[in-house]
């Protein structure tokens, strides 16, 4: 089995404002993140949270659900938050390296 989990991962600690673990997040105020809205760029994925402090993954391997008419493309691709904890392909998003797309379960594996 191929695994990229753990590759070059980096996390930062930030305050959380209505942020959900496992969701793409965006900066909402100084040092604070919240769930990224649909069709908006995201800065990372909230990895864990306790009280109002969370670890945001900003680099490394991630696997999220995707939505949209078109699956993300393999290789370099721009991803936007979809507003429901996943991503969608689109312009102006976070440029990532897409390693795998599973159309059966609508997941995308990528490196930030």
PDB file of N, CA and C in Angstrom:
ATOM      1  N   UNK A   1       0.831  -1.175   0.000  1.00  0.00           N
ATOM      2  CA  UNK A   1       0.000   0.000   0.000  1.00  0.00           C
ATOM      3  C   UNK A   1       0.883   1.248   0.000  1.00  0.00           C
ATOM      4  N   UNK A   2       0.513   2.211  -0.788  1.00  0.00           N
ATOM      5  CA  UNK A   2       1.225   3.483  -0.854  1.00  0.00           C
ATOM      6  C   UNK A   2       0.657   4.411   0.215  1.00  0.00           C
ATOM      7  N   UNK A   3       1.549   5.092   0.937  1.00  0.00           N
ATOM      8  CA  UNK A   3       1.104   6.053   1.947  1.00  0.00           C
ATOM      9  C   UNK A   3       1.996   7.287   1.913  1.00  0.00           C
ATOM     10  N   UNK A   4       1.388   8.445   1.941  1.00  0.00           N
ATOM     11  CA  UNK A   4       2.114   9.707   2.006  1.00  0.00           C
ATOM     12  C   UNK A   4       1.878  10.423   3.327  1.00  0.00           C
ATOM     13  N   UNK A   5       1.135   9.782   4.228  1.00  0.00           N
ATOM     14  CA  UNK A   5       0.821  10.365   5.532  1.00  0.00           C
ATOM     15  C   UNK A   5       2.109  10.697   6.267  1.00  0.00           C
ATOM     16  N   UNK A   6       2.200  11.879   6.792  1.00  0.00           N
ATOM     17  CA  UNK A   6       3.363  12.299   7.555  1.00  0.00           C
ATOM     18  C   UNK A   6       4.410  13.028   6.735  1.00  0.00           C
ATOM     19  N   UNK A   7       4.297  13.011   5.397  1.00  0.00           N
ATOM     20  CA  UNK A   7       5.311  13.646   4.567  1.00  0.00           C
ATOM     21  C   UNK A   7       5.343  15.158   4.782  1.00  0.00           C
ATOM     22  N   UNK A   8       6.452  15.659   5.239  1.00  0.00           N
ATOM     23  CA  UNK A   8       6.735  17.092   5.335  1.00  0.00           C
ATOM     24  C   UNK A   8       5.596  17.884   5.991  1.00  0.00           C
ATOM     25  N   UNK A   9       4.920  17.290   6.978  1.00  0.00           N
ATOM     26  CA  UNK A   9       3.793  17.960   7.612  1.00  0.00           C
ATOM     27  C   UNK A   9       4.266  19.108   8.496  1.00  0.00           C
ATOM     28  N   UNK A  10       3.493  20.186   8.506  1.00  0.00           N
ATOM     29  CA  UNK A  10       3.767  21.337   9.366  1.00  0.00           C
ATOM     30  C   UNK A  10       2.445  21.861   9.909  1.00  0.00           C
ATOM     31  N   UNK A  11       2.456  22.216  11.183  1.00  0.00           N
ATOM     32  CA  UNK A  11       1.264  22.706  11.869  1.00  0.00           C
ATOM     33  C   UNK A  11       1.579  24.027  12.556  1.00  0.00           C
ATOM     34  N   UNK A  12       0.578  24.881  12.644  1.00  0.00           N
ATOM     35  CA  UNK A  12       0.698  26.104  13.425  1.00  0.00           C
ATOM     36  C   UNK A  12      -0.454  26.141  14.427  1.00  0.00           C
ATOM     37  N   UNK A  13      -0.229  26.781  15.552  1.00  0.00           N
ATOM     38  CA  UNK A  13      -1.250  26.901  16.585  1.00  0.00           C
ATOM     39  C   UNK A  13      -1.966  28.232  16.407  1.00  0.00           C
ATOM     40  N   UNK A  14      -3.299  28.164  16.361  1.00  0.00           N
ATOM     41  CA  UNK A  14      -4.103  29.373  16.199  1.00  0.00           C
ATOM     42  C   UNK A  14      -5.353  29.274  17.062  1.00  0.00           C
ATOM     43  N   UNK A  15      -5.967  30.403  17.338  1.00  0.00           N
ATOM     44  CA  UNK A  15      -7.268  30.418  17.989  1.00  0.00           C
ATOM     45  C   UNK A  15      -8.291  29.917  16.970  1.00  0.00           C
ATOM     46  N   UNK A  16      -9.377  29.330  17.463  1.00  0.00           N
ATOM     47  CA  UNK A  16     -10.425  28.824  16.567  1.00  0.00           C
ATOM     48  C   UNK A  16     -11.726  29.583  16.808  1.00  0.00           C
ATOM     49  N   UNK A  17     -12.365  29.958  15.721  1.00  0.00           N
ATOM     50  CA  UNK A  17     -13.632  30.677  15.759  1.00  0.00           C
ATOM     51  C   UNK A  17     -14.610  29.896  14.879  1.00  0.00           C
ATOM     52  N   UNK A  18     -15.458  29.107  15.471  1.00  0.00           N
ATOM     53  CA  UNK A  18     -16.389  28.238  14.739  1.00  0.00           C
ATOM     54  C   UNK A  18     -15.662  27.406  13.691  1.00  0.00           C
ATOM     55  N   UNK A  19     -14.550  26.811  14.092  1.00  0.00           N
ATOM     56  CA  UNK A  19     -13.783  25.944  13.204  1.00  0.00           C
ATOM     57  C   UNK A  19     -13.988  24.492  13.615  1.00  0.00           C
ATOM     58  N   UNK A  20     -14.108  23.620  12.622  1.00  0.00           N
ATOM     59  CA  UNK A  20     -14.390  22.208  12.838  1.00  0.00           C
ATOM     60  C   UNK A  20     -13.179  21.363  12.467  1.00  0.00           C
ATOM     61  N   UNK A  21     -12.798  20.448  13.333  1.00  0.00           N
ATOM     62  CA  UNK A  21     -11.670  19.556  13.052  1.00  0.00           C
ATOM     63  C   UNK A  21     -11.924  18.812  11.743  1.00  0.00           C
ATOM     64  N   UNK A  22     -10.895  18.785  10.884  1.00  0.00           N
ATOM     65  CA  UNK A  22     -10.986  18.107   9.599  1.00  0.00           C
ATOM     66  C   UNK A  22     -11.458  18.993   8.460  1.00  0.00           C
ATOM     67  N   UNK A  23     -11.832  20.219   8.749  1.00  0.00           N
ATOM     68  CA  UNK A  23     -12.332  21.154   7.733  1.00  0.00           C
ATOM     69  C   UNK A  23     -11.220  22.080   7.236  1.00  0.00           C
ATOM     70  N   UNK A  24     -11.289  22.484   5.977  1.00  0.00           N
ATOM     71  CA  UNK A  24     -10.417  23.553   5.509  1.00  0.00           C
ATOM     72  C   UNK A  24     -10.786  24.841   6.248  1.00  0.00           C
ATOM     73  N   UNK A  25      -9.760  25.614   6.629  1.00  0.00           N
ATOM     74  CA  UNK A  25     -10.006  26.836   7.390  1.00  0.00           C
ATOM     75  C   UNK A  25      -9.346  28.042   6.729  1.00  0.00           C
ATOM     76  N   UNK A  26      -9.844  29.215   7.100  1.00  0.00           N
ATOM     77  CA  UNK A  26      -9.307  30.477   6.613  1.00  0.00           C
ATOM     78  C   UNK A  26      -9.072  31.394   7.814  1.00  0.00           C
ATOM     79  N   UNK A  27      -8.220  32.362   7.648  1.00  0.00           N
ATOM     80  CA  UNK A  27      -7.935  33.310   8.730  1.00  0.00           C
ATOM     81  C   UNK A  27      -9.104  34.283   8.836  1.00  0.00           C
ATOM     82  N   UNK A  28      -9.665  34.392  10.051  1.00  0.00           N
ATOM     83  CA  UNK A  28     -10.827  35.255  10.259  1.00  0.00           C
ATOM     84  C   UNK A  28     -10.493  36.526  11.034  1.00  0.00           C
ATOM     85  N   UNK A  29      -9.410  36.486  11.797  1.00  0.00           N
ATOM     86  CA  UNK A  29      -8.932  37.629  12.577  1.00  0.00           C
ATOM     87  C   UNK A  29      -7.472  37.345  12.916  1.00  0.00           C
ATOM     88  N   UNK A  30      -6.802  38.287  13.551  1.00  0.00           N
ATOM     89  CA  UNK A  30      -5.406  38.073  13.913  1.00  0.00           C
ATOM     90  C   UNK A  30      -5.250  36.781  14.706  1.00  0.00           C
ATOM     91  N   UNK A  31      -4.464  35.840  14.186  1.00  0.00           N
ATOM     92  CA  UNK A  31      -4.177  34.597  14.889  1.00  0.00           C
ATOM     93  C   UNK A  31      -5.364  33.676  15.069  1.00  0.00           C
ATOM     94  N   UNK A  32      -6.410  33.839  14.268  1.00  0.00           N
ATOM     95  CA  UNK A  32      -7.655  33.086  14.437  1.00  0.00           C
ATOM     96  C   UNK A  32      -8.120  32.507  13.109  1.00  0.00           C
ATOM     97  N   UNK A  33      -8.618  31.259  13.154  1.00  0.00           N
ATOM     98  CA  UNK A  33      -9.174  30.629  11.954  1.00  0.00           C
ATOM     99  C   UNK A  33     -10.626  30.239  12.173  1.00  0.00           C
ATOM    100  N   UNK A  34     -11.341  30.116  11.043  1.00  0.00           N
ATOM    101  CA  UNK A  34     -12.712  29.616  11.053  1.00  0.00           C
ATOM    102  C   UNK A  34     -12.881  28.734   9.824  1.00  0.00           C
ATOM    103  N   UNK A  35     -13.983  27.982   9.779  1.00  0.00           N
ATOM    104  CA  UNK A  35     -14.261  27.158   8.606  1.00  0.00           C
ATOM    105  C   UNK A  35     -14.292  28.047   7.369  1.00  0.00           C
ATOM    106  N   UNK A  36     -13.634  27.602   6.309  1.00  0.00           N
ATOM    107  CA  UNK A  36     -13.617  28.367   5.063  1.00  0.00           C
ATOM    108  C   UNK A  36     -14.966  28.243   4.369  1.00  0.00           C
ATOM    109  N   UNK A  37     -15.456  29.340   3.838  1.00  0.00           N
ATOM    110  CA  UNK A  37     -16.738  29.370   3.126  1.00  0.00           C
ATOM    111  C   UNK A  37     -16.594  28.741   1.746  1.00  0.00           C
ATOM    112  N   UNK A  38     -17.722  28.366   1.174  1.00  0.00           N
ATOM    113  CA  UNK A  38     -17.739  27.765  -0.161  1.00  0.00           C
ATOM    114  C   UNK A  38     -17.109  28.695  -1.187  1.00  0.00           C
ATOM    115  N   UNK A  39     -16.329  28.107  -2.076  1.00  0.00           N
ATOM    116  CA  UNK A  39     -15.667  28.812  -3.188  1.00  0.00           C
ATOM    117  C   UNK A  39     -14.619  29.817  -2.738  1.00  0.00           C
ATOM    118  N   UNK A  40     -14.119  29.650  -1.515  1.00  0.00           N
ATOM    119  CA  UNK A  40     -13.083  30.541  -0.990  1.00  0.00           C
ATOM    120  C   UNK A  40     -11.779  29.766  -0.791  1.00  0.00           C
ATOM    121  N   UNK A  41     -10.635  30.443  -0.932  1.00  0.00           N
ATOM    122  CA  UNK A  41      -9.355  29.795  -0.657  1.00  0.00           C
ATOM    123  C   UNK A  41      -9.245  29.439   0.828  1.00  0.00           C
ATOM    124  N   UNK A  42      -8.421  28.475   1.133  1.00  0.00           N
ATOM    125  CA  UNK A  42      -8.194  28.088   2.525  1.00  0.00           C
ATOM    126  C   UNK A  42      -6.695  28.087   2.808  1.00  0.00           C
ATOM    127  N   UNK A  43      -6.326  28.228   4.091  1.00  0.00           N
ATOM    128  CA  UNK A  43      -4.916  28.283   4.464  1.00  0.00           C
ATOM    129  C   UNK A  43      -4.396  26.946   4.963  1.00  0.00           C
ATOM    130  N   UNK A  44      -5.297  26.059   5.320  1.00  0.00           N
ATOM    131  CA  UNK A  44      -4.899  24.751   5.828  1.00  0.00           C
ATOM    132  C   UNK A  44      -6.113  23.983   6.301  1.00  0.00           C
ATOM    133  N   UNK A  45      -5.849  22.907   7.021  1.00  0.00           N
ATOM    134  CA  UNK A  45      -6.909  22.030   7.528  1.00  0.00           C
ATOM    135  C   UNK A  45      -6.760  21.955   9.047  1.00  0.00           C
ATOM    136  N   UNK A  46      -7.865  22.168   9.781  1.00  0.00           N
ATOM    137  CA  UNK A  46      -7.816  22.089  11.236  1.00  0.00           C
ATOM    138  C   UNK A  46      -7.604  20.635  11.639  1.00  0.00           C
ATOM    139  N   UNK A  47      -6.472  20.372  12.266  1.00  0.00           N
ATOM    140  CA  UNK A  47      -6.086  19.006  12.628  1.00  0.00           C
ATOM    141  C   UNK A  47      -6.679  18.576  13.960  1.00  0.00           C
ATOM    142  N   UNK A  48      -6.608  19.453  14.945  1.00  0.00           N
ATOM    143  CA  UNK A  48      -7.241  19.171  16.236  1.00  0.00           C
ATOM    144  C   UNK A  48      -7.530  20.479  16.945  1.00  0.00           C
ATOM    145  N   UNK A  49      -8.350  20.394  17.985  1.00  0.00           N
ATOM    146  CA  UNK A  49      -8.752  21.601  18.693  1.00  0.00           C
ATOM    147  C   UNK A  49      -9.116  21.256  20.129  1.00  0.00           C
ATOM    148  N   UNK A  50      -8.758  22.172  21.036  1.00  0.00           N
ATOM    149  CA  UNK A  50      -9.140  22.033  22.435  1.00  0.00           C
ATOM    150  C   UNK A  50      -9.496  23.424  22.926  1.00  0.00           C
ATOM    151  N   UNK A  51     -10.679  23.555  23.494  1.00  0.00           N
ATOM    152  CA  UNK A  51     -11.214  24.860  23.899  1.00  0.00           C
ATOM    153  C   UNK A  51     -11.243  25.758  22.669  1.00  0.00           C
ATOM    154  N   UNK A  52     -10.513  26.853  22.683  1.00  0.00           N
ATOM    155  CA  UNK A  52     -10.536  27.753  21.527  1.00  0.00           C
ATOM    156  C   UNK A  52      -9.168  27.832  20.841  1.00  0.00           C
ATOM    157  N   UNK A  53      -8.346  26.777  20.998  1.00  0.00           N
ATOM    158  CA  UNK A  53      -7.015  26.716  20.387  1.00  0.00           C
ATOM    159  C   UNK A  53      -6.955  25.465  19.507  1.00  0.00           C
ATOM    160  N   UNK A  54      -6.358  25.617  18.313  1.00  0.00           N
ATOM    161  CA  UNK A  54      -6.274  24.468  17.418  1.00  0.00           C
ATOM    162  C   UNK A  54      -4.958  24.399  16.677  1.00  0.00           C
ATOM    163  N   UNK A  55      -4.638  23.201  16.201  1.00  0.00           N
ATOM    164  CA  UNK A  55      -3.470  22.981  15.350  1.00  0.00           C
ATOM    165  C   UNK A  55      -3.954  22.957  13.908  1.00  0.00           C
ATOM    166  N   UNK A  56      -3.410  23.849  13.099  1.00  0.00           N
ATOM    167  CA  UNK A  56      -3.790  23.952  11.698  1.00  0.00           C
ATOM    168  C   UNK A  56      -2.663  23.379  10.849  1.00  0.00           C
ATOM    169  N   UNK A  57      -2.987  22.351  10.063  1.00  0.00           N
ATOM    170  CA  UNK A  57      -1.994  21.787   9.158  1.00  0.00           C
ATOM    171  C   UNK A  57      -1.882  22.704   7.946  1.00  0.00           C
ATOM    172  N   UNK A  58      -0.684  23.221   7.702  1.00  0.00           N
ATOM    173  CA  UNK A  58      -0.464  24.153   6.597  1.00  0.00           C
ATOM    174  C   UNK A  58       0.458  23.569   5.525  1.00  0.00           C
ATOM    175  N   UNK A  59       0.965  22.375   5.780  1.00  0.00           N
ATOM    176  CA  UNK A  59       1.892  21.755   4.841  1.00  0.00           C
ATOM    177  C   UNK A  59       1.833  20.248   5.013  1.00  0.00           C
ATOM    178  N   UNK A  60       2.033  19.527   3.924  1.00  0.00           N
ATOM    179  CA  UNK A  60       2.081  18.077   3.984  1.00  0.00           C
ATOM    180  C   UNK A  60       0.874  17.432   3.329  1.00  0.00           C
ATOM    181  N   UNK A  61       0.703  16.144   3.605  1.00  0.00           N
ATOM    182  CA  UNK A  61      -0.335  15.307   2.995  1.00  0.00           C
ATOM    183  C   UNK A  61      -1.703  15.525   3.645  1.00  0.00           C
ATOM    184  N   UNK A  62      -2.726  15.613   2.824  1.00  0.00           N
ATOM    185  CA  UNK A  62      -4.107  15.693   3.322  1.00  0.00           C
ATOM    186  C   UNK A  62      -5.021  14.901   2.389  1.00  0.00           C
ATOM    187  N   UNK A  63      -6.098  14.408   2.944  1.00  0.00           N
ATOM    188  CA  UNK A  63      -7.125  13.697   2.171  1.00  0.00           C
ATOM    189  C   UNK A  63      -8.473  14.253   2.587  1.00  0.00           C
ATOM    190  N   UNK A  64      -9.211  14.795   1.617  1.00  0.00           N
ATOM    191  CA  UNK A  64     -10.513  15.389   1.894  1.00  0.00           C
ATOM    192  C   UNK A  64     -11.525  14.952   0.846  1.00  0.00           C
ATOM    193  N   UNK A  65     -12.788  15.081   1.175  1.00  0.00           N
ATOM    194  CA  UNK A  65     -13.861  14.872   0.208  1.00  0.00           C
ATOM    195  C   UNK A  65     -13.861  16.034  -0.775  1.00  0.00           C
ATOM    196  N   UNK A  66     -14.283  15.785  -1.996  1.00  0.00           N
ATOM    197  CA  UNK A  66     -14.447  16.870  -2.961  1.00  0.00           C
ATOM    198  C   UNK A  66     -15.857  16.848  -3.522  1.00  0.00           C
ATOM    199  N   UNK A  67     -16.295  18.009  -3.985  1.00  0.00           N
ATOM    200  CA  UNK A  67     -17.587  18.147  -4.642  1.00  0.00           C
ATOM    201  C   UNK A  67     -17.385  18.935  -5.922  1.00  0.00           C
ATOM    202  N   UNK A  68     -18.406  18.978  -6.736  1.00  0.00           N
ATOM    203  CA  UNK A  68     -18.336  19.753  -7.972  1.00  0.00           C
ATOM    204  C   UNK A  68     -18.526  18.878  -9.190  1.00  0.00           C
ATOM    205  N   UNK A  69     -18.772  19.521 -10.309  1.00  0.00           N
ATOM    206  CA  UNK A  69     -18.996  18.810 -11.562  1.00  0.00           C
ATOM    207  C   UNK A  69     -17.732  18.159 -12.095  1.00  0.00           C
ATOM    208  N   UNK A  70     -16.575  18.731 -11.743  1.00  0.00           N
ATOM    209  CA  UNK A  70     -15.308  18.234 -12.238  1.00  0.00           C
ATOM    210  C   UNK A  70     -14.425  17.814 -11.072  1.00  0.00           C
ATOM    211  N   UNK A  71     -13.876  16.603 -11.147  1.00  0.00           N
ATOM    212  CA  UNK A  71     -12.951  16.142 -10.115  1.00  0.00           C
ATOM    213  C   UNK A  71     -11.649  16.928 -10.217  1.00  0.00           C
ATOM    214  N   UNK A  72     -10.960  17.137  -9.111  1.00  0.00           N
ATOM    215  CA  UNK A  72      -9.654  17.794  -9.177  1.00  0.00           C
ATOM    216  C   UNK A  72      -8.725  17.025 -10.111  1.00  0.00           C
ATOM    217  N   UNK A  73      -7.875  17.762 -10.815  1.00  0.00           N
ATOM    218  CA  UNK A  73      -6.939  17.158 -11.760  1.00  0.00           C
ATOM    219  C   UNK A  73      -5.693  16.670 -11.034  1.00  0.00           C
ATOM    220  N   UNK A  74      -5.113  15.591 -11.524  1.00  0.00           N
ATOM    221  CA  UNK A  74      -3.850  15.097 -10.977  1.00  0.00           C
ATOM    222  C   UNK A  74      -2.737  16.096 -11.293  1.00  0.00           C
ATOM    223  N   UNK A  75      -1.735  16.146 -10.442  1.00  0.00           N
ATOM    224  CA  UNK A  75      -0.643  17.092 -10.616  1.00  0.00           C
ATOM    225  C   UNK A  75      -0.979  18.400  -9.925  1.00  0.00           C
ATOM    226  N   UNK A  76      -0.474  19.505 -10.450  1.00  0.00           N
ATOM    227  CA  UNK A  76      -0.765  20.802  -9.843  1.00  0.00           C
ATOM    228  C   UNK A  76      -2.212  21.193 -10.108  1.00  0.00           C
ATOM    229  N   UNK A  77      -2.890  21.619  -9.048  1.00  0.00           N
ATOM    230  CA  UNK A  77      -4.316  21.928  -9.146  1.00  0.00           C
ATOM    231  C   UNK A  77      -4.647  22.998  -8.102  1.00  0.00           C
ATOM    232  N   UNK A  78      -5.613  23.832  -8.400  1.00  0.00           N
ATOM    233  CA  UNK A  78      -6.089  24.839  -7.467  1.00  0.00           C
ATOM    234  C   UNK A  78      -7.346  24.315  -6.773  1.00  0.00           C
ATOM    235  N   UNK A  79      -7.328  24.289  -5.429  1.00  0.00           N
ATOM    236  CA  UNK A  79      -8.479  23.820  -4.660  1.00  0.00           C
ATOM    237  C   UNK A  79      -9.062  24.949  -3.823  1.00  0.00           C
ATOM    238  N   UNK A  80     -10.376  24.983  -3.766  1.00  0.00           N
ATOM    239  CA  UNK A  80     -11.131  25.926  -2.942  1.00  0.00           C
ATOM    240  C   UNK A  80     -11.919  25.137  -1.907  1.00  0.00           C
ATOM    241  N   UNK A  81     -12.259  25.748  -0.803  1.00  0.00           N
ATOM    242  CA  UNK A  81     -13.145  25.105   0.167  1.00  0.00           C
ATOM    243  C   UNK A  81     -14.530  24.975  -0.461  1.00  0.00           C
ATOM    244  N   UNK A  82     -15.268  23.935  -0.057  1.00  0.00           N
ATOM    245  CA  UNK A  82     -16.630  23.785  -0.585  1.00  0.00           C
ATOM    246  C   UNK A  82     -17.695  24.187   0.429  1.00  0.00           C
ATOM    247  N   UNK A  83     -17.278  24.601   1.624  1.00  0.00           N
ATOM    248  CA  UNK A  83     -18.215  25.075   2.639  1.00  0.00           C
ATOM    249  C   UNK A  83     -18.827  23.986   3.488  1.00  0.00           C
ATOM    250  N   UNK A  84     -18.540  22.714   3.168  1.00  0.00           N
ATOM    251  CA  UNK A  84     -19.101  21.602   3.942  1.00  0.00           C
ATOM    252  C   UNK A  84     -18.020  20.650   4.432  1.00  0.00           C
ATOM    253  N   UNK A  85     -16.797  21.159   4.563  1.00  0.00           N
ATOM    254  CA  UNK A  85     -15.702  20.355   5.092  1.00  0.00           C
ATOM    255  C   UNK A  85     -14.823  19.717   4.038  1.00  0.00           C
ATOM    256  N   UNK A  86     -15.085  19.981   2.792  1.00  0.00           N
ATOM    257  CA  UNK A  86     -14.285  19.422   1.709  1.00  0.00           C
ATOM    258  C   UNK A  86     -13.759  20.513   0.809  1.00  0.00           C
ATOM    259  N   UNK A  87     -13.418  20.114  -0.394  1.00  0.00           N
ATOM    260  CA  UNK A  87     -12.843  21.040  -1.368  1.00  0.00           C
ATOM    261  C   UNK A  87     -13.508  20.852  -2.728  1.00  0.00           C
ATOM    262  N   UNK A  88     -13.228  21.783  -3.621  1.00  0.00           N
ATOM    263  CA  UNK A  88     -13.639  21.667  -5.018  1.00  0.00           C
ATOM    264  C   UNK A  88     -12.539  22.292  -5.866  1.00  0.00           C
ATOM    265  N   UNK A  89     -12.436  21.841  -7.098  1.00  0.00           N
ATOM    266  CA  UNK A  89     -11.454  22.400  -8.020  1.00  0.00           C
ATOM    267  C   UNK A  89     -11.949  23.754  -8.501  1.00  0.00           C
ATOM    268  N   UNK A  90     -11.047  24.713  -8.618  1.00  0.00           N
ATOM    269  CA  UNK A  90     -11.435  26.031  -9.105  1.00  0.00           C
ATOM    270  C   UNK A  90     -10.259  26.978  -9.107  1.00  0.00           C
ATOM    271  N   UNK A  91     -10.396  28.056  -9.819  1.00  0.00           N
ATOM    272  CA  UNK A  91      -9.304  29.023  -9.913  1.00  0.00           C
ATOM    273  C   UNK A  91      -9.259  29.913  -8.691  1.00  0.00           C
ATOM    274  N   UNK A  92      -8.061  30.358  -8.345  1.00  0.00           N
ATOM    275  CA  UNK A  92      -7.877  31.280  -7.236  1.00  0.00           C
ATOM    276  C   UNK A  92      -7.760  30.624  -5.879  1.00  0.00           C
ATOM    277  N   UNK A  93      -7.686  29.309  -5.854  1.00  0.00           N
ATOM    278  CA  UNK A  93      -7.582  28.600  -4.586  1.00  0.00           C
ATOM    279  C   UNK A  93      -6.144  28.306  -4.209  1.00  0.00           C
ATOM    280  N   UNK A  94      -5.976  27.406  -3.272  1.00  0.00           N
ATOM    281  CA  UNK A  94      -4.663  26.966  -2.829  1.00  0.00           C
ATOM    282  C   UNK A  94      -4.098  26.015  -3.884  1.00  0.00           C
ATOM    283  N   UNK A  95      -2.917  26.317  -4.400  1.00  0.00           N
ATOM    284  CA  UNK A  95      -2.299  25.430  -5.378  1.00  0.00           C
ATOM    285  C   UNK A  95      -1.643  24.274  -4.641  1.00  0.00           C
ATOM    286  N   UNK A  96      -2.057  23.054  -4.980  1.00  0.00           N
ATOM    287  CA  UNK A  96      -1.584  21.841  -4.318  1.00  0.00           C
ATOM    288  C   UNK A  96      -1.094  20.846  -5.367  1.00  0.00           C
ATOM    289  N   UNK A  97      -0.440  19.785  -4.901  1.00  0.00           N
ATOM    290  CA  UNK A  97      -0.029  18.675  -5.761  1.00  0.00           C
ATOM    291  C   UNK A  97      -1.001  17.523  -5.519  1.00  0.00           C
ATOM    292  N   UNK A  98      -1.892  17.281  -6.452  1.00  0.00           N
ATOM    293  CA  UNK A  98      -2.873  16.203  -6.303  1.00  0.00           C
ATOM    294  C   UNK A  98      -2.194  14.887  -6.658  1.00  0.00           C
ATOM    295  N   UNK A  99      -2.203  13.947  -5.712  1.00  0.00           N
ATOM    296  CA  UNK A  99      -1.555  12.656  -5.881  1.00  0.00           C
ATOM    297  C   UNK A  99      -2.524  11.573  -6.311  1.00  0.00           C
ATOM    298  N   UNK A 100      -3.790  11.700  -5.887  1.00  0.00           N
ATOM    299  CA  UNK A 100      -4.775  10.661  -6.172  1.00  0.00           C
ATOM    300  C   UNK A 100      -6.182  11.247  -6.079  1.00  0.00           C
ATOM    301  N   UNK A 101      -7.044  10.799  -6.990  1.00  0.00           N
ATOM    302  CA  UNK A 101      -8.457  11.183  -6.969  1.00  0.00           C
ATOM    303  C   UNK A 101      -9.266   9.896  -7.026  1.00  0.00           C
ATOM    304  N   UNK A 102     -10.147   9.698  -6.057  1.00  0.00           N
ATOM    305  CA  UNK A 102     -11.008   8.517  -6.032  1.00  0.00           C
ATOM    306  C   UNK A 102     -12.431   8.980  -6.335  1.00  0.00           C
ATOM    307  N   UNK A 103     -12.874   8.745  -7.555  1.00  0.00           N
ATOM    308  CA  UNK A 103     -14.211   9.192  -7.949  1.00  0.00           C
ATOM    309  C   UNK A 103     -15.311   8.346  -7.318  1.00  0.00           C
ATOM    310  N   UNK A 104     -14.990   7.131  -6.881  1.00  0.00           N
ATOM    311  CA  UNK A 104     -15.998   6.267  -6.247  1.00  0.00           C
ATOM    312  C   UNK A 104     -16.431   6.826  -4.892  1.00  0.00           C
ATOM    313  N   UNK A 105     -15.478   7.343  -4.113  1.00  0.00           N
ATOM    314  CA  UNK A 105     -15.846   7.906  -2.804  1.00  0.00           C
ATOM    315  C   UNK A 105     -15.635   9.420  -2.726  1.00  0.00           C
ATOM    316  N   UNK A 106     -15.377  10.040  -3.883  1.00  0.00           N
ATOM    317  CA  UNK A 106     -15.234  11.502  -3.991  1.00  0.00           C
ATOM    318  C   UNK A 106     -14.186  12.065  -3.026  1.00  0.00           C
ATOM    319  N   UNK A 107     -12.999  11.444  -3.008  1.00  0.00           N
ATOM    320  CA  UNK A 107     -11.920  11.955  -2.175  1.00  0.00           C
ATOM    321  C   UNK A 107     -10.732  12.354  -3.056  1.00  0.00           C
ATOM    322  N   UNK A 108      -9.967  13.291  -2.543  1.00  0.00           N
ATOM    323  CA  UNK A 108      -8.753  13.748  -3.212  1.00  0.00           C
ATOM    324  C   UNK A 108      -7.624  13.744  -2.187  1.00  0.00           C
ATOM    325  N   UNK A 109      -6.479  13.188  -2.587  1.00  0.00           N
ATOM    326  CA  UNK A 109      -5.285  13.172  -1.747  1.00  0.00           C
ATOM    327  C   UNK A 109      -4.304  14.157  -2.362  1.00  0.00           C
ATOM    328  N   UNK A 110      -3.757  15.033  -1.513  1.00  0.00           N
ATOM    329  CA  UNK A 110      -2.884  16.085  -2.045  1.00  0.00           C
ATOM    330  C   UNK A 110      -1.825  16.498  -1.050  1.00  0.00           C
ATOM    331  N   UNK A 111      -0.806  17.186  -1.570  1.00  0.00           N
ATOM    332  CA  UNK A 111       0.238  17.784  -0.757  1.00  0.00           C
ATOM    333  C   UNK A 111       0.086  19.290  -0.810  1.00  0.00           C
ATOM    334  N   UNK A 112       0.037  19.905   0.374  1.00  0.00           N
ATOM    335  CA  UNK A 112      -0.038  21.366   0.455  1.00  0.00           C
ATOM    336  C   UNK A 112       1.361  21.924   0.401  1.00  0.00           C
TER     337      UNK A 112
END
